Structures are given as C-alpha cells and as structure tokens.
Amino acid sequence: MTYVPYVTPDYYKEIYKGSTVPDDQLERTLRQASRHIDSLTYNRIVGRGFSNLTEFQQEVIQEVVCLQADFEHENADEINTILSSYSINGVSAQFGSSWNVFMDKGVAMKRDVYAQLSQTGLCCRLAR
C-alpha cells in the first residue's frame, strides 16, 4: 500500500496558496510533513483513515501539513543539524524546543501550528 500525503501539490498551490516550497521538492516535502503529522498524532489518522475524520479535522490537518511543509523547507538547515547548541566568541545558539518551537518525537514545529493540530483531538497521549 502506497502512502498518500494529506495534501496534494495542487491543494498546496491552489487552495493554501503556498509558494515557499519549489515545485521540484513539493511532493517530497508534503509527504514528509504528512509523516511528521502522523508521528505527532500517534498514527491515529492512518488508523482511522483520513476520509473517516470530520470535515473540521480534515481541514485543520491539511492546513497544518502546508504550514509544516513551509516551516521545514524554510528551516531545513537548522532542523537537520546534529548540534543541540554552540557558542563562538560569546555568541550562542541552541536548537530544539524554544519559546516558539515545539519538539516531540524528533519533529520540530512552530508552537502555534502544534496548537492548531491539537484542536483535532488527535494529539492526546491518552489511548483512544
């Protein structure tokens, strides 16, 4: 069974009006963002089937996938770094959770986007 991302390139460009991710990277980036959403929702979307979710949940998930794809593309260098922090001549930088970045299961996401994803009820750690 082939994995189908929650957003198509057409949705990203036509409905979301995205333009951050170049066309030649779009499919891969949307697939990766969808997989990251699966991790943060404990694979509940896969388990239930996207089409079995409410219209509200589907809409939120699609928007979050687009936002995540943009975020991951714009911050690829920082996200993929193996360093957690460094300091040079008194200037330091840290990677990981910060006031505006949520980090869980190896997935970095803007906190406000995670809060939006949480509205679906699929991010709760309690088994459902």
C-alpha atoms as a PDB file:
ATOM      1  CA  MET A   1       0.000   0.000   0.000  1.00  0.00           C
ATOM      2  CA  THR A   2       1.472   3.336  -1.067  1.00  0.00           C
ATOM      3  CA  TYR A   3       1.424   6.168   1.467  1.00  0.00           C
ATOM      4  CA  VAL A   4      -0.723   9.089   0.346  1.00  0.00           C
ATOM      5  CA  PRO A   5       0.100  12.510   1.840  1.00  0.00           C
ATOM      6  CA  TYR A   6      -2.805  14.533   3.245  1.00  0.00           C
ATOM      7  CA  VAL A   7      -2.144  17.367   0.813  1.00  0.00           C
ATOM      8  CA  THR A   8      -1.568  17.257  -2.931  1.00  0.00           C
ATOM      9  CA  PRO A   9       0.683  19.732  -4.727  1.00  0.00           C
ATOM     10  CA  ASP A  10      -2.464  21.200  -6.334  1.00  0.00           C
ATOM     11  CA  TYR A  11      -4.058  21.761  -2.908  1.00  0.00           C
ATOM     12  CA  TYR A  12      -0.858  23.403  -1.664  1.00  0.00           C
ATOM     13  CA  LYS A  13      -0.692  25.796  -4.616  1.00  0.00           C
ATOM     14  CA  GLU A  14      -4.373  26.421  -5.394  1.00  0.00           C
ATOM     15  CA  ILE A  15      -6.199  26.292  -2.047  1.00  0.00           C
ATOM     16  CA  TYR A  16      -3.487  27.018   0.515  1.00  0.00           C
ATOM     17  CA  LYS A  17      -1.845  29.437  -1.957  1.00  0.00           C
ATOM     18  CA  GLY A  18       1.615  28.204  -0.985  1.00  0.00           C
ATOM     19  CA  SER A  19       4.699  29.247  -2.877  1.00  0.00           C
ATOM     20  CA  THR A  20       7.529  28.637  -0.400  1.00  0.00           C
ATOM     21  CA  VAL A  21       8.413  25.093  -1.462  1.00  0.00           C
ATOM     22  CA  PRO A  22       9.780  24.799  -5.029  1.00  0.00           C
ATOM     23  CA  ASP A  23       7.795  22.562  -7.397  1.00  0.00           C
ATOM     24  CA  ASP A  24      10.616  20.028  -7.737  1.00  0.00           C
ATOM     25  CA  GLN A  25      10.631  19.475  -3.932  1.00  0.00           C
ATOM     26  CA  LEU A  26       6.916  19.846  -3.264  1.00  0.00           C
ATOM     27  CA  GLU A  27       5.752  16.220  -3.352  1.00  0.00           C
ATOM     28  CA  ARG A  28       8.589  15.013  -1.132  1.00  0.00           C
ATOM     29  CA  THR A  29       8.138  17.884   1.317  1.00  0.00           C
ATOM     30  CA  LEU A  30       4.370  17.349   1.603  1.00  0.00           C
ATOM     31  CA  ARG A  31       4.926  13.618   2.150  1.00  0.00           C
ATOM     32  CA  GLN A  32       7.473  14.320   4.882  1.00  0.00           C
ATOM     33  CA  ALA A  33       5.217  16.881   6.571  1.00  0.00           C
ATOM     34  CA  SER A  34       2.317  14.394   6.451  1.00  0.00           C
ATOM     35  CA  ARG A  35       4.502  11.695   8.034  1.00  0.00           C
ATOM     36  CA  HIS A  36       5.501  14.122  10.769  1.00  0.00           C
ATOM     37  CA  ILE A  37       1.830  14.875  11.437  1.00  0.00           C
ATOM     38  CA  ASP A  38       1.264  11.112  11.713  1.00  0.00           C
ATOM     39  CA  SER A  39       4.008  10.923  14.356  1.00  0.00           C
ATOM     40  CA  LEU A  40       2.533  13.779  16.369  1.00  0.00           C
ATOM     41  CA  THR A  41      -0.968  12.262  16.196  1.00  0.00           C
ATOM     42  CA  TYR A  42       0.206   8.756  17.157  1.00  0.00           C
ATOM     43  CA  ASN A  43      -0.818   7.456  13.697  1.00  0.00           C
ATOM     44  CA  ARG A  44      -4.477   7.961  14.550  1.00  0.00           C
ATOM     45  CA  ILE A  45      -5.142   9.444  11.109  1.00  0.00           C
ATOM     46  CA  VAL A  46      -3.698   6.356   9.437  1.00  0.00           C
ATOM     47  CA  GLY A  47      -5.635   4.109  11.826  1.00  0.00           C
ATOM     48  CA  ARG A  48      -8.997   5.774  11.222  1.00  0.00           C
ATOM     49  CA  GLY A  49      -8.465   6.756   7.619  1.00  0.00           C
ATOM     50  CA  PHE A  50      -8.308  10.399   6.569  1.00  0.00           C
ATOM     51  CA  SER A  51     -11.725  10.220   4.887  1.00  0.00           C
ATOM     52  CA  ASN A  52     -13.284   8.981   8.152  1.00  0.00           C
ATOM     53  CA  LEU A  53     -12.268  12.117  10.052  1.00  0.00           C
ATOM     54  CA  THR A  54     -14.660  15.018  10.464  1.00  0.00           C
ATOM     55  CA  GLU A  55     -14.564  17.780   7.883  1.00  0.00           C
ATOM     56  CA  PHE A  56     -13.107  20.090  10.546  1.00  0.00           C
ATOM     57  CA  GLN A  57     -10.299  17.624  11.343  1.00  0.00           C
ATOM     58  CA  GLN A  58      -9.508  17.132   7.659  1.00  0.00           C
ATOM     59  CA  GLU A  59      -9.358  20.873   7.029  1.00  0.00           C
ATOM     60  CA  VAL A  60      -7.105  21.517  10.038  1.00  0.00           C
ATOM     61  CA  ILE A  61      -4.780  18.647   9.127  1.00  0.00           C
ATOM     62  CA  GLN A  62      -4.425  19.866   5.548  1.00  0.00           C
ATOM     63  CA  GLU A  63      -3.626  23.402   6.655  1.00  0.00           C
ATOM     64  CA  VAL A  64      -1.138  22.148   9.247  1.00  0.00           C
ATOM     65  CA  VAL A  65       0.599  19.952   6.657  1.00  0.00           C
ATOM     66  CA  CYS A  66       1.032  23.006   4.410  1.00  0.00           C
ATOM     67  CA  LEU A  67       2.300  25.162   7.276  1.00  0.00           C
ATOM     68  CA  GLN A  68       4.670  22.385   8.354  1.00  0.00           C
ATOM     69  CA  ALA A  69       5.958  21.905   4.812  1.00  0.00           C
ATOM     70  CA  ASP A  70       6.741  25.632   4.616  1.00  0.00           C
ATOM     71  CA  PHE A  71       8.407  25.593   8.047  1.00  0.00           C
ATOM     72  CA  GLU A  72      10.510  22.527   7.271  1.00  0.00           C
ATOM     73  CA  HIS A  73      11.606  23.927   3.922  1.00  0.00           C
ATOM     74  CA  GLU A  74      12.497  27.357   5.328  1.00  0.00           C
ATOM     75  CA  ASN A  75      14.389  25.896   8.302  1.00  0.00           C
ATOM     76  CA  ALA A  76      15.883  22.739   6.783  1.00  0.00           C
ATOM     77  CA  ASP A  77      19.466  23.609   7.724  1.00  0.00           C
ATOM     78  CA  GLU A  78      18.607  24.271  11.369  1.00  0.00           C
ATOM     79  CA  ILE A  79      16.260  21.288  11.688  1.00  0.00           C
ATOM     80  CA  ASN A  80      18.753  18.856  10.166  1.00  0.00           C
ATOM     81  CA  THR A  81      21.722  19.969  12.238  1.00  0.00           C
ATOM     82  CA  ILE A  82      23.115  17.425  14.667  1.00  0.00           C
ATOM     83  CA  LEU A  83      24.193  20.100  17.134  1.00  0.00           C
ATOM     84  CA  SER A  84      21.965  20.976  20.050  1.00  0.00           C
ATOM     85  CA  SER A  85      23.883  24.178  20.852  1.00  0.00           C
ATOM     86  CA  TYR A  86      27.108  26.019  20.167  1.00  0.00           C
ATOM     87  CA  SER A  87      28.958  29.112  21.265  1.00  0.00           C
ATOM     88  CA  ILE A  88      31.528  31.214  19.426  1.00  0.00           C
ATOM     89  CA  ASN A  89      33.130  34.327  20.938  1.00  0.00           C
ATOM     90  CA  GLY A  90      30.317  34.805  23.422  1.00  0.00           C
ATOM     91  CA  VAL A  91      27.509  34.346  20.885  1.00  0.00           C
ATOM     92  CA  SER A  92      25.484  31.186  21.345  1.00  0.00           C
ATOM     93  CA  ALA A  93      22.673  29.386  19.591  1.00  0.00           C
ATOM     94  CA  GLN A  94      20.508  26.468  20.663  1.00  0.00           C
ATOM     95  CA  PHE A  95      18.445  24.061  18.644  1.00  0.00           C
ATOM     96  CA  GLY A  96      15.421  22.193  19.917  1.00  0.00           C
ATOM     97  CA  SER A  97      12.437  23.364  21.918  1.00  0.00           C
ATOM     98  CA  SER A  98      12.279  27.089  22.478  1.00  0.00           C
ATOM     99  CA  TRP A  99       9.538  29.578  23.218  1.00  0.00           C
ATOM    100  CA  ASN A 100       8.166  29.361  19.679  1.00  0.00           C
ATOM    101  CA  VAL A 101       9.249  25.878  18.551  1.00  0.00           C
ATOM    102  CA  PHE A 102       7.664  22.642  19.764  1.00  0.00           C
ATOM    103  CA  MET A 103       9.758  19.487  19.572  1.00  0.00           C
ATOM    104  CA  ASP A 104       8.424  15.942  20.020  1.00  0.00           C
ATOM    105  CA  LYS A 105       9.389  12.583  18.527  1.00  0.00           C
ATOM    106  CA  GLY A 106      12.169  14.275  16.555  1.00  0.00           C
ATOM    107  CA  VAL A 107       9.712  16.622  14.846  1.00  0.00           C
ATOM    108  CA  ALA A 108      10.201  20.388  15.143  1.00  0.00           C
ATOM    109  CA  MET A 109       7.079  22.505  14.637  1.00  0.00           C
ATOM    110  CA  LYS A 110       6.025  26.033  15.453  1.00  0.00           C
ATOM    111  CA  ARG A 111       4.091  26.018  18.735  1.00  0.00           C
ATOM    112  CA  ASP A 112       1.082  27.824  17.294  1.00  0.00           C
ATOM    113  CA  VAL A 113       0.860  25.255  14.488  1.00  0.00           C
ATOM    114  CA  TYR A 114       1.021  22.420  17.042  1.00  0.00           C
ATOM    115  CA  ALA A 115      -1.759  24.125  18.997  1.00  0.00           C
ATOM    116  CA  GLN A 116      -3.796  24.213  15.801  1.00  0.00           C
ATOM    117  CA  LEU A 117      -3.140  20.488  15.189  1.00  0.00           C
ATOM    118  CA  SER A 118      -4.153  19.771  18.790  1.00  0.00           C
ATOM    119  CA  GLN A 119      -7.620  21.176  18.024  1.00  0.00           C
ATOM    120  CA  THR A 120      -8.305  17.954  16.100  1.00  0.00           C
ATOM    121  CA  GLY A 121      -8.175  15.944  19.324  1.00  0.00           C
ATOM    122  CA  LEU A 122      -5.674  13.554  17.726  1.00  0.00           C
ATOM    123  CA  CYS A 123      -2.552  14.630  19.646  1.00  0.00           C
ATOM    124  CA  CYS A 124      -3.638  13.483  23.110  1.00  0.00           C
ATOM    125  CA  ARG A 125      -1.218  10.999  24.635  1.00  0.00           C
ATOM    126  CA  LEU A 126      -4.084   9.018  26.151  1.00  0.00           C
ATOM    127  CA  ALA A 127      -5.088   5.976  24.134  1.00  0.00           C
ATOM    128  CA  ARG A 128      -8.292   6.353  22.148  1.00  0.00           C
END
